[in-house]
Amino acid sequence: QVQLVESGGGLVQPGGSLRLSCVVSRRIFSAYAMAWYRQAPGKQRELVATITSGSGTDYADSVKGRFTISRDNAKNTVYLQMNSLKPEDTAVYYCNFLPAKSYWGQGTQVTVSS
């Protein structure tokens, strides 16, 4: 089974930055569109950012202009650079394929608080 291992979360003050990483154990990783998702307490999981196999990107309106998704196919890794963080960005962040598979990694907690 494919493994998705997220890292890079933490506690940050409003206006701060974090860079999340996700290593994917799948051959031919470069052929797949990937995405970052997040789930805040008491809310449904939502799509945050996507990147195609050709590195085309798209973002939820709530993060547009603040978050940047990227990928390094040589490392089977997808990244999420998060700048100008807000308290409402607090959530567990997950990476997965696009569309998402049924299995998920453990996620990485991002907490934005003063």
N, C-alpha and C. Protein backbone atom coordinates (compact mmCIF):
# COMPACT_ATOMS: atom_id res chain seq x y z
N GLN A 1 0.84 -1.19 0.00
CA GLN A 1 0.00 0.00 0.00
C GLN A 1 0.88 1.24 0.00
N VAL A 2 0.42 2.27 -0.71
CA VAL A 2 1.16 3.52 -0.76
C VAL A 2 1.15 4.19 0.61
N GLN A 3 2.29 4.75 1.00
CA GLN A 3 2.38 5.50 2.25
C GLN A 3 2.51 6.99 1.97
N LEU A 4 1.83 7.77 2.78
CA LEU A 4 1.88 9.22 2.69
C LEU A 4 2.35 9.72 4.06
N VAL A 5 3.51 10.38 4.10
CA VAL A 5 4.08 10.80 5.38
C VAL A 5 4.27 12.31 5.38
N GLU A 6 3.42 12.98 6.16
CA GLU A 6 3.45 14.44 6.25
C GLU A 6 4.33 14.89 7.42
N SER A 7 4.93 16.05 7.28
CA SER A 7 5.74 16.62 8.36
C SER A 7 5.82 18.13 8.18
N GLY A 8 6.33 18.81 9.22
CA GLY A 8 6.58 20.24 9.11
C GLY A 8 5.61 21.14 9.86
N GLY A 9 4.58 20.55 10.45
CA GLY A 9 3.63 21.36 11.19
C GLY A 9 4.20 21.88 12.50
N GLY A 10 3.40 22.68 13.20
CA GLY A 10 3.84 23.21 14.47
C GLY A 10 2.96 24.36 14.92
N LEU A 11 3.43 25.03 15.96
CA LEU A 11 2.74 26.20 16.51
C LEU A 11 3.42 27.46 15.98
N VAL A 12 2.64 28.35 15.43
CA VAL A 12 3.19 29.57 14.85
C VAL A 12 2.26 30.73 15.16
N GLN A 13 2.81 31.93 15.30
CA GLN A 13 2.00 33.11 15.56
C GLN A 13 1.33 33.59 14.29
N PRO A 14 0.21 34.29 14.41
CA PRO A 14 -0.42 34.87 13.23
C PRO A 14 0.58 35.72 12.44
N GLY A 15 0.54 35.56 11.12
CA GLY A 15 1.49 36.25 10.25
C GLY A 15 2.74 35.46 9.97
N GLY A 16 2.93 34.35 10.67
CA GLY A 16 4.11 33.53 10.50
C GLY A 16 4.02 32.60 9.31
N SER A 17 5.07 31.78 9.15
CA SER A 17 5.17 30.88 8.00
C SER A 17 5.55 29.47 8.46
N LEU A 18 5.13 28.50 7.68
CA LEU A 18 5.53 27.11 7.84
C LEU A 18 5.67 26.49 6.47
N ARG A 19 6.50 25.45 6.38
CA ARG A 19 6.62 24.68 5.15
C ARG A 19 6.35 23.22 5.46
N LEU A 20 5.30 22.70 4.87
CA LEU A 20 4.95 21.30 5.06
C LEU A 20 5.55 20.45 3.95
N SER A 21 5.88 19.22 4.30
CA SER A 21 6.41 18.27 3.33
C SER A 21 5.60 16.98 3.39
N CYS A 22 5.53 16.29 2.28
CA CYS A 22 4.84 15.00 2.23
C CYS A 22 5.63 14.08 1.31
N VAL A 23 6.13 12.99 1.86
CA VAL A 23 6.84 12.00 1.07
C VAL A 23 5.87 10.89 0.69
N VAL A 24 5.87 10.54 -0.57
CA VAL A 24 4.93 9.55 -1.10
C VAL A 24 5.70 8.34 -1.59
N SER A 25 5.33 7.18 -1.07
CA SER A 25 6.04 5.96 -1.47
C SER A 25 5.29 5.32 -2.62
N ARG A 26 5.44 5.90 -3.77
CA ARG A 26 4.79 5.33 -4.96
C ARG A 26 5.73 5.47 -6.14
N ARG A 27 5.84 4.41 -6.90
CA ARG A 27 6.63 4.48 -8.13
C ARG A 27 5.91 5.37 -9.12
N ILE A 28 6.65 5.98 -9.98
CA ILE A 28 6.12 6.87 -11.02
C ILE A 28 5.28 7.98 -10.36
N PHE A 29 5.76 8.50 -9.24
CA PHE A 29 5.09 9.58 -8.51
C PHE A 29 4.79 10.75 -9.45
N SER A 30 5.69 11.03 -10.36
CA SER A 30 5.58 12.20 -11.21
C SER A 30 4.33 12.18 -12.10
N ALA A 31 3.73 11.02 -12.28
CA ALA A 31 2.57 10.90 -13.17
C ALA A 31 1.26 11.30 -12.51
N TYR A 32 1.30 11.55 -11.20
CA TYR A 32 0.07 11.75 -10.45
C TYR A 32 -0.11 13.20 -10.00
N ALA A 33 -1.35 13.66 -10.10
CA ALA A 33 -1.71 14.93 -9.48
C ALA A 33 -1.80 14.71 -7.98
N MET A 34 -1.34 15.71 -7.23
CA MET A 34 -1.33 15.63 -5.77
C MET A 34 -2.06 16.84 -5.19
N ALA A 35 -2.38 16.73 -3.91
CA ALA A 35 -3.10 17.83 -3.27
C ALA A 35 -2.82 17.86 -1.77
N TRP A 36 -3.01 19.02 -1.21
CA TRP A 36 -3.02 19.17 0.25
C TRP A 36 -4.47 19.42 0.67
N TYR A 37 -4.84 18.77 1.77
CA TYR A 37 -6.15 18.90 2.35
C TYR A 37 -5.95 19.31 3.82
N ARG A 38 -7.01 19.81 4.45
CA ARG A 38 -6.92 20.10 5.87
C ARG A 38 -8.28 19.85 6.54
N GLN A 39 -8.19 19.55 7.83
CA GLN A 39 -9.41 19.32 8.60
C GLN A 39 -9.27 20.03 9.94
N ALA A 40 -10.13 21.01 10.14
CA ALA A 40 -10.17 21.75 11.41
C ALA A 40 -11.11 21.03 12.37
N PRO A 41 -10.95 21.25 13.66
CA PRO A 41 -11.82 20.58 14.64
C PRO A 41 -13.29 20.86 14.36
N GLY A 42 -14.08 19.80 14.32
CA GLY A 42 -15.51 19.93 14.12
C GLY A 42 -15.93 20.24 12.70
N LYS A 43 -14.99 20.22 11.76
CA LYS A 43 -15.30 20.55 10.37
C LYS A 43 -14.91 19.40 9.45
N GLN A 44 -15.48 19.42 8.25
CA GLN A 44 -15.13 18.41 7.25
C GLN A 44 -13.77 18.72 6.64
N ARG A 45 -13.14 17.67 6.16
CA ARG A 45 -11.88 17.84 5.46
C ARG A 45 -12.11 18.66 4.19
N GLU A 46 -11.22 19.60 3.91
CA GLU A 46 -11.37 20.44 2.73
C GLU A 46 -10.09 20.45 1.90
N LEU A 47 -10.28 20.68 0.60
CA LEU A 47 -9.17 20.76 -0.34
C LEU A 47 -8.54 22.14 -0.24
N VAL A 48 -7.23 22.19 -0.11
CA VAL A 48 -6.51 23.45 0.07
C VAL A 48 -5.77 23.85 -1.19
N ALA A 49 -5.01 22.92 -1.78
CA ALA A 49 -4.17 23.25 -2.93
C ALA A 49 -3.93 21.98 -3.74
N THR A 50 -3.80 22.17 -5.05
CA THR A 50 -3.56 21.03 -5.94
C THR A 50 -2.40 21.32 -6.87
N ILE A 51 -1.75 20.24 -7.31
CA ILE A 51 -0.67 20.38 -8.30
C ILE A 51 -0.76 19.19 -9.25
N THR A 52 -0.76 19.48 -10.53
CA THR A 52 -0.87 18.43 -11.54
C THR A 52 0.49 17.79 -11.80
N SER A 53 0.49 16.76 -12.63
CA SER A 53 1.75 16.11 -12.99
C SER A 53 2.64 17.08 -13.75
N GLY A 54 2.05 18.06 -14.40
CA GLY A 54 2.81 19.07 -15.12
C GLY A 54 3.09 20.31 -14.30
N SER A 55 2.83 20.23 -12.99
CA SER A 55 3.08 21.31 -12.03
C SER A 55 2.15 22.51 -12.17
N GLY A 56 0.99 22.31 -12.80
CA GLY A 56 -0.03 23.33 -12.76
C GLY A 56 -0.65 23.35 -11.37
N THR A 57 -0.96 24.53 -10.85
CA THR A 57 -1.44 24.63 -9.47
C THR A 57 -2.78 25.33 -9.39
N ASP A 58 -3.48 25.05 -8.29
CA ASP A 58 -4.75 25.72 -8.01
C ASP A 58 -4.92 25.76 -6.50
N TYR A 59 -5.71 26.73 -6.03
CA TYR A 59 -5.82 26.96 -4.60
C TYR A 59 -7.26 27.28 -4.20
N ALA A 60 -7.59 26.91 -2.97
CA ALA A 60 -8.85 27.37 -2.40
C ALA A 60 -8.78 28.88 -2.24
N ASP A 61 -9.92 29.53 -2.38
CA ASP A 61 -9.94 30.99 -2.28
C ASP A 61 -9.39 31.48 -0.94
N SER A 62 -9.60 30.70 0.10
CA SER A 62 -9.19 31.11 1.44
C SER A 62 -7.67 31.18 1.63
N VAL A 63 -6.92 30.51 0.75
CA VAL A 63 -5.46 30.49 0.89
C VAL A 63 -4.73 31.10 -0.30
N LYS A 64 -5.48 31.49 -1.31
CA LYS A 64 -4.87 32.03 -2.53
C LYS A 64 -4.05 33.26 -2.21
N GLY A 65 -2.82 33.29 -2.73
CA GLY A 65 -1.93 34.41 -2.48
C GLY A 65 -1.09 34.26 -1.23
N ARG A 66 -1.40 33.25 -0.40
CA ARG A 66 -0.64 33.03 0.84
C ARG A 66 0.08 31.69 0.84
N PHE A 67 -0.51 30.68 0.21
CA PHE A 67 0.06 29.33 0.18
C PHE A 67 0.61 29.03 -1.21
N THR A 68 1.67 28.23 -1.26
CA THR A 68 2.24 27.78 -2.52
C THR A 68 2.52 26.28 -2.45
N ILE A 69 1.94 25.54 -3.38
CA ILE A 69 2.20 24.11 -3.47
C ILE A 69 3.27 23.87 -4.53
N SER A 70 4.14 22.90 -4.27
CA SER A 70 5.18 22.56 -5.24
C SER A 70 5.52 21.08 -5.07
N ARG A 71 6.30 20.56 -6.00
CA ARG A 71 6.68 19.15 -5.94
C ARG A 71 8.10 18.96 -6.41
N ASP A 72 8.75 17.92 -5.88
CA ASP A 72 10.07 17.51 -6.31
C ASP A 72 9.96 16.03 -6.68
N ASN A 73 9.84 15.75 -7.96
CA ASN A 73 9.60 14.38 -8.40
C ASN A 73 10.79 13.47 -8.11
N ALA A 74 11.99 14.02 -8.07
CA ALA A 74 13.17 13.20 -7.77
C ALA A 74 13.14 12.70 -6.33
N LYS A 75 12.42 13.41 -5.46
CA LYS A 75 12.35 13.03 -4.05
C LYS A 75 10.98 12.47 -3.67
N ASN A 76 10.10 12.31 -4.65
CA ASN A 76 8.73 11.84 -4.36
C ASN A 76 8.09 12.68 -3.26
N THR A 77 8.25 13.97 -3.33
CA THR A 77 7.81 14.85 -2.25
C THR A 77 6.98 16.01 -2.80
N VAL A 78 5.93 16.33 -2.07
CA VAL A 78 5.12 17.50 -2.37
C VAL A 78 5.20 18.43 -1.16
N TYR A 79 5.26 19.73 -1.42
CA TYR A 79 5.43 20.73 -0.38
C TYR A 79 4.25 21.69 -0.33
N LEU A 80 4.08 22.32 0.82
CA LEU A 80 3.11 23.41 0.94
C LEU A 80 3.78 24.51 1.76
N GLN A 81 4.14 25.59 1.08
CA GLN A 81 4.68 26.77 1.76
C GLN A 81 3.51 27.64 2.18
N MET A 82 3.42 27.91 3.47
CA MET A 82 2.30 28.68 4.02
C MET A 82 2.84 29.96 4.63
N ASN A 83 2.42 31.08 4.10
CA ASN A 83 2.83 32.39 4.60
C ASN A 83 1.62 33.16 5.11
N SER A 84 1.87 34.20 5.87
CA SER A 84 0.80 35.05 6.39
C SER A 84 -0.30 34.22 7.05
N LEU A 85 0.11 33.31 7.89
CA LEU A 85 -0.83 32.38 8.50
C LEU A 85 -1.82 33.10 9.41
N LYS A 86 -3.05 32.58 9.42
CA LYS A 86 -4.13 33.13 10.21
C LYS A 86 -4.64 32.07 11.19
N PRO A 87 -5.28 32.49 12.28
CA PRO A 87 -5.83 31.49 13.21
C PRO A 87 -6.78 30.50 12.53
N GLU A 88 -7.49 30.94 11.52
CA GLU A 88 -8.42 30.05 10.83
C GLU A 88 -7.72 29.01 9.96
N ASP A 89 -6.40 29.10 9.83
CA ASP A 89 -5.64 28.06 9.13
C ASP A 89 -5.32 26.88 10.05
N THR A 90 -5.65 27.00 11.33
CA THR A 90 -5.40 25.93 12.27
C THR A 90 -6.16 24.68 11.87
N ALA A 91 -5.44 23.58 11.70
CA ALA A 91 -6.04 22.33 11.25
C ALA A 91 -4.96 21.25 11.20
N VAL A 92 -5.40 20.02 10.98
CA VAL A 92 -4.48 18.94 10.62
C VAL A 92 -4.40 18.94 9.10
N TYR A 93 -3.20 18.97 8.59
CA TYR A 93 -2.97 19.03 7.15
C TYR A 93 -2.52 17.65 6.64
N TYR A 94 -3.13 17.25 5.53
CA TYR A 94 -2.84 15.96 4.92
C TYR A 94 -2.50 16.17 3.45
N CYS A 95 -1.65 15.31 2.93
CA CYS A 95 -1.50 15.25 1.48
C CYS A 95 -2.14 13.96 0.98
N ASN A 96 -2.54 13.97 -0.26
CA ASN A 96 -3.10 12.78 -0.89
C ASN A 96 -3.08 13.02 -2.39
N PHE A 97 -3.48 12.01 -3.10
CA PHE A 97 -3.60 12.15 -4.54
C PHE A 97 -4.82 13.00 -4.85
N LEU A 98 -4.96 13.36 -6.12
CA LEU A 98 -6.13 14.09 -6.58
C LEU A 98 -6.72 13.33 -7.76
N PRO A 99 -7.91 12.74 -7.62
CA PRO A 99 -8.73 12.71 -6.41
C PRO A 99 -8.11 11.86 -5.31
N ALA A 100 -8.54 12.10 -4.08
CA ALA A 100 -7.94 11.41 -2.94
C ALA A 100 -8.24 9.92 -2.95
N LYS A 101 -7.25 9.15 -2.52
CA LYS A 101 -7.45 7.72 -2.31
C LYS A 101 -8.14 7.51 -0.97
N SER A 102 -8.51 6.26 -0.71
CA SER A 102 -9.23 5.96 0.53
C SER A 102 -8.32 5.96 1.74
N TYR A 103 -7.02 5.81 1.53
CA TYR A 103 -6.09 5.77 2.65
C TYR A 103 -5.45 7.15 2.82
N TRP A 104 -5.14 7.46 4.08
CA TRP A 104 -4.57 8.74 4.44
C TRP A 104 -3.38 8.54 5.37
N GLY A 105 -2.48 9.50 5.37
CA GLY A 105 -1.39 9.50 6.33
C GLY A 105 -1.86 10.00 7.68
N GLN A 106 -0.91 10.22 8.57
CA GLN A 106 -1.25 10.67 9.91
C GLN A 106 -1.52 12.16 9.97
N GLY A 107 -1.12 12.87 8.94
CA GLY A 107 -1.29 14.32 8.92
C GLY A 107 -0.26 15.03 9.78
N THR A 108 -0.26 16.35 9.69
CA THR A 108 0.63 17.16 10.52
C THR A 108 -0.18 18.35 11.05
N GLN A 109 -0.09 18.58 12.35
CA GLN A 109 -0.90 19.60 13.00
C GLN A 109 -0.28 20.98 12.80
N VAL A 110 -1.10 21.92 12.35
CA VAL A 110 -0.71 23.32 12.25
C VAL A 110 -1.61 24.12 13.19
N THR A 111 -0.99 24.83 14.09
CA THR A 111 -1.73 25.67 15.04
C THR A 111 -1.24 27.09 14.93
N VAL A 112 -2.16 28.00 14.62
CA VAL A 112 -1.82 29.42 14.47
C VAL A 112 -2.47 30.17 15.64
N SER A 113 -1.63 30.63 16.54
CA SER A 113 -2.16 31.26 17.75
C SER A 113 -1.10 32.16 18.36
N SER A 114 -1.56 33.24 18.98
CA SER A 114 -0.65 34.12 19.69
C SER A 114 -0.57 33.72 21.16
